[in-house]
Amino acid sequence: MVTKTLPESQKMNAQNSQQDSGPKQMAELKDVCDAAFQGFCEYAKSKPETIALWCLGIGFVLGWKLRP
């Protein structure tokens, strides 16, 4: 059985690329979350009655289930 090993320079490049992708992924996740929150805020401004009813319903269910 023959196995190939990577030279040290390629190993270091692979490790560096994995370390660099973390902050990029966090930035992308933050952008997605910001866009989703902004979309939700716009929806809430256009249909406040719907959001109020959802909040009332969720509060009712949580209050019912979390009662001591």
Protein backbone atom coordinates (compact mmCIF):
# COMPACT_ATOMS: atom_id res chain seq x y z
CA MET A 1 0.00 0.00 0.00
CA VAL A 2 1.44 3.32 -1.07
CA THR A 3 0.54 6.52 0.74
CA LYS A 4 1.44 10.01 -0.35
CA THR A 5 2.50 12.60 2.14
CA LEU A 6 2.36 16.30 1.53
CA PRO A 7 5.51 18.37 1.69
CA GLU A 8 5.79 20.65 4.74
CA SER A 9 5.05 23.79 2.69
CA GLN A 10 1.73 22.35 1.44
CA LYS A 11 0.79 21.25 4.96
CA MET A 12 1.40 24.76 6.26
CA ASN A 13 -0.62 26.29 3.41
CA ALA A 14 -3.54 23.95 4.15
CA GLN A 15 -3.46 24.84 7.85
CA ASN A 16 -3.27 28.57 7.13
CA SER A 17 -6.20 28.42 4.73
CA GLN A 18 -8.31 26.61 7.35
CA GLN A 19 -7.44 29.22 9.98
CA ASP A 20 -8.26 32.11 7.63
CA SER A 21 -11.67 30.69 6.70
CA GLY A 22 -12.99 31.02 10.29
CA PRO A 23 -13.20 34.83 10.38
CA LYS A 24 -14.58 34.89 6.82
CA GLN A 25 -17.34 32.45 7.77
CA MET A 26 -18.16 34.48 10.88
CA ALA A 27 -18.39 37.65 8.80
CA GLU A 28 -20.67 35.93 6.28
CA LEU A 29 -22.86 34.59 9.10
CA LYS A 30 -23.09 38.07 10.62
CA ASP A 31 -24.12 39.50 7.24
CA VAL A 32 -26.82 36.85 6.82
CA CYS A 33 -28.14 37.43 10.35
CA ASP A 34 -28.19 41.20 9.83
CA ALA A 35 -30.07 40.81 6.55
CA ALA A 36 -32.61 38.42 8.14
CA PHE A 37 -33.16 40.79 11.08
CA GLN A 38 -33.57 43.76 8.75
CA GLY A 39 -36.10 41.79 6.69
CA PHE A 40 -38.01 40.86 9.82
CA CYS A 41 -38.09 44.49 10.95
CA GLU A 42 -39.44 45.59 7.57
CA TYR A 43 -42.11 42.87 7.71
CA ALA A 44 -43.05 43.93 11.25
CA LYS A 45 -43.44 47.54 10.11
CA SER A 46 -45.65 46.54 7.20
CA LYS A 47 -47.81 44.04 9.15
CA PRO A 48 -47.77 44.90 12.86
CA GLU A 49 -51.05 43.07 13.57
CA THR A 50 -49.59 39.76 12.43
CA ILE A 51 -46.49 40.19 14.59
CA ALA A 52 -48.62 41.18 17.60
CA LEU A 53 -50.77 38.06 17.22
CA TRP A 54 -47.71 35.82 16.91
CA CYS A 55 -46.20 37.37 20.04
CA LEU A 56 -49.48 36.90 21.90
CA GLY A 57 -49.72 33.27 20.80
CA ILE A 58 -46.11 32.47 21.66
CA GLY A 59 -46.49 34.18 25.04
CA PHE A 60 -49.66 32.22 25.75
CA VAL A 61 -48.02 28.87 24.92
CA LEU A 62 -44.85 29.66 26.88
CA GLY A 63 -46.83 30.89 29.88
CA TRP A 64 -48.98 27.77 29.78
CA LYS A 65 -46.05 25.35 29.46
CA LEU A 66 -43.71 27.09 31.94
CA ARG A 67 -46.27 27.48 34.70
CA PRO A 68 -44.84 26.09 37.97
